[in-house]
């Protein structure tokens, strides 16, 4: 959890062609997308200010490689993504309107697949003492009046576990069906708000599709999803879940900050690399994110979970059963910090529905920390807090 000016050591290279040029940011740890960039404008500048400049650059540099083309325009975040050749990129960096340019990257889901053992996460988060045979205790109105935005692979909105409370809100995967073609987003959504498998059983679920059928996408697409949510979620009771991640990205981290400033709690997965510090990835290293690592049914650190001081809490993430794709009743059991994060998003939605004093993301984050079960996680925490999710019942 990072809401102030904290500094982290990250593997990011910054290049500038001259002392007056905007910096070009490239992540040494990520998977770059060739000729694809995210252009962020300076404070006070707007897209309307810069688009004519870009169009002039495109005319001059067309024919010197890939044609310069704008892919996406962001509204809450004064930026855009574009495919450009190197000559056009040099001109963009030289513009006095540009704050920085970042090379786009591949982003993926944080999941490990297993066979289908029984799920245990719900009873674990509704009691401080571990008794997995106990029922799941929750308030009847859990999640009522709250919208959970699932920025992921989409949602199988017709699944019976959603009881008509799920919809597809936006699709940023060009040419894809307006549904979940992977299963990951549906599984995440089911853990947040499914009638049987969910934490906040009355929450409204909105799928924001930014990852394709293979569970892969781009940071520019993730920003588009966050931008869409920021415009619609401001001033409402809402929570965002992002069970995805990639290398460090300044623009993604700033977009998380925009959601936070819009009053929307942002719950993200820590990542599935046991050798990786969550601070060195995005969105897990973003200020304003509430970061979730995974634990198993014995309250041990999950073997795959990332770690570090950016982690805020542990939650069940091993062998979690939830809704799936393929039919209206399909289920699947999978593992990952992707499965831990929606447990927390569900509790955040539950708390927003029952506690009128939670009027900011900070208030929600502090409440999650205040009621957590402390000191029960075993294994190598590597600087992560010894704190397990609890739903407050």
Foldseek 3Di string as FASTA:
>chain_A
DFADDDDDDAQKDWDAPDPQFAIEIEGPFFAFDPQKKKWAWDPPDAPVNCVVVLVVLQVVCPPVPDRWDWDAQFDLGRITMIRDDPSSVNVSRNDPGTNHMYTKGKKFFFWFADAADDAQFQCCQADLDADSVDDRDADPQQLPQEEEEEEFQFAPQLAVQLVNLEDEDEAPDPPDDSHRLAWLSHQLVQCQAGCPNHLRPNHRYYYYHAAHNVRMHMLNSSLNSLSVCLVVVQPGRYEYEERMKTFDDPVQLVSLVSSQVSQYAYFYEQHFACVDASCGMPPLVHRRHAYEFEADSQQEGDPRTHAAQSHQAYGHFAQRKGAGDDDSHDIGTIGGSSNGRSNLSNLLSRCVSPPVVSRHNVSSSVVQQVPWNADRYDDDRHHHGRTHGHSND
